[in-house]
Structures are given as C-alpha cells and as structure tokens.
Protein backbone atom coordinates (compact mmCIF):
# COMPACT_ATOMS: atom_id res chain seq x y z
CA MET A 1 -1.50 -45.39 19.33
CA THR A 2 -5.31 -46.21 20.86
CA VAL A 3 -7.95 -47.40 18.39
CA ILE A 4 -11.84 -46.57 19.84
CA GLY A 5 -14.28 -48.48 17.97
CA ARG A 6 -17.45 -46.59 18.46
CA VAL A 7 -18.63 -43.69 16.33
CA PRO A 8 -16.77 -41.89 15.29
CA GLY A 9 -13.84 -43.91 15.33
CA ILE A 10 -11.17 -42.25 17.08
CA VAL A 11 -7.22 -43.22 16.72
CA TYR A 12 -5.35 -41.58 19.73
CA PHE A 13 -1.60 -41.12 19.18
CA THR A 14 0.21 -40.46 22.91
CA PRO A 15 3.33 -39.02 22.01
CA THR A 16 2.03 -37.05 18.87
CA PHE A 17 2.79 -38.50 15.57
CA ASN A 18 4.03 -36.52 12.62
CA GLY A 19 2.16 -33.62 14.28
CA GLN A 20 -0.97 -35.74 15.17
CA SER A 21 -2.43 -36.65 18.34
CA TYR A 22 -5.75 -38.32 16.77
CA VAL A 23 -7.70 -39.02 13.86
CA GLU A 24 -11.16 -39.67 13.49
CA LEU A 25 -12.10 -42.88 11.10
CA GLU A 26 -14.85 -42.43 8.93
CA ARG A 27 -18.24 -43.08 10.27
CA ARG A 28 -20.45 -46.47 9.77
CA PHE A 29 -23.89 -45.03 9.61
CA THR A 30 -25.21 -46.92 6.04
CA LEU A 31 -28.46 -48.44 5.64
CA SER A 32 -26.35 -50.27 3.17
CA LYS A 33 -24.33 -53.63 4.29
CA ASP A 34 -22.25 -53.24 1.24
CA LYS A 35 -21.61 -49.37 2.06
CA ALA A 36 -20.66 -50.56 5.70
CA LYS A 37 -18.23 -53.45 4.76
CA GLU A 38 -16.26 -50.67 2.83
CA VAL A 39 -16.39 -48.15 5.71
CA ILE A 40 -14.80 -50.77 8.07
CA GLN A 41 -12.29 -52.12 5.48
CA SER A 42 -11.11 -48.34 5.05
CA ASN A 43 -10.85 -48.08 8.48
CA GLU A 44 -8.91 -51.28 8.98
CA GLY A 45 -6.78 -50.04 6.11
CA PHE A 46 -5.83 -46.55 7.48
CA VAL A 47 -4.79 -48.35 10.86
CA MET A 48 -2.84 -50.37 9.23
CA GLN A 49 -0.86 -47.79 6.99
CA LYS A 50 -0.19 -45.95 10.60
CA LEU A 51 1.11 -48.95 11.97
CA ASP A 52 3.47 -49.59 8.99
CA GLU A 53 4.08 -45.78 9.22
CA LEU A 54 5.32 -46.09 12.86
CA SER A 55 7.23 -48.87 12.17
CA ALA A 56 8.92 -47.21 9.29
CA ALA A 57 10.08 -44.28 11.56
CA GLY A 58 11.78 -46.48 13.84
CA TRP A 59 9.17 -47.44 16.48
CA GLU A 60 8.87 -51.34 17.57
CA LEU A 61 5.45 -52.75 18.21
CA VAL A 62 5.76 -54.37 21.81
CA THR A 63 2.18 -55.65 22.85
CA THR A 64 -1.70 -55.29 21.89
CA THR A 65 -4.21 -55.26 24.07
CA SER A 66 -8.15 -54.93 23.73
CA GLN A 67 -11.18 -54.69 25.63
CA THR A 68 -14.78 -53.61 25.57
CA GLY A 69 -15.80 -51.79 28.74
CA GLY A 70 -17.31 -48.55 30.48
CA LYS A 71 -21.31 -48.25 30.36
CA ASP A 72 -21.32 -47.62 26.62
CA GLU A 73 -19.54 -50.92 25.88
CA THR A 74 -17.09 -49.18 24.06
CA ASP A 75 -14.01 -51.26 22.42
CA TYR A 76 -10.68 -50.45 22.83
CA VAL A 77 -7.78 -51.89 21.15
CA ARG A 78 -4.12 -50.35 22.52
CA TYR A 79 -1.01 -50.87 20.56
CA LEU A 80 1.92 -50.39 22.77
CA PHE A 81 5.18 -48.91 20.71
CA ARG A 82 9.14 -48.67 21.80
CA LYS A 83 11.48 -47.03 20.25
CA ALA A 84 13.60 -49.33 18.42
CA TYR A 85 17.73 -48.88 18.77
C-alpha cells in the first residue's frame, strides 16, 4: 500500500484490495486552519482504517518507508505487507 501525500492524496493498493487499486483522499484546499486540521485527521483515520482492514484480512505489516522526492517534492509512505500464514 502506498500513500502519496500531495493534493490530491492517493492511496494505491498493489495488488488490488477489496476490488480497489487506488482511493483518493480528501482534498486539503482550504483557508481555514481548523478545516485543514479536520481534513488531515480524516485522511489519517482513513489510512489507519485501511491498515486495520489489511491486517484483519490476513496481511502482516513487514516494513514502512517514507520519502520525499521528485521535482514536486511529493511525500510517499509505503507499507509493505505479506500474507500471514
């Protein structure tokens, strides 16, 4: 599972999970700091929910890596899972 943190944020699943190959996160365009905080918390909650779902489906988290790169300085967080036996 890969979370890409620029607008719009996207969560990619490879291979697909529950029929989804990706999901767009809520956009953060707002002038209000309170609304921006709500959106960030909502997106973090969504990612945590997906991690919990993967675990419940028998996937085991092996490693997590993060990086910022590319010409647009995009943030990436990759979660590597393996099927638990």
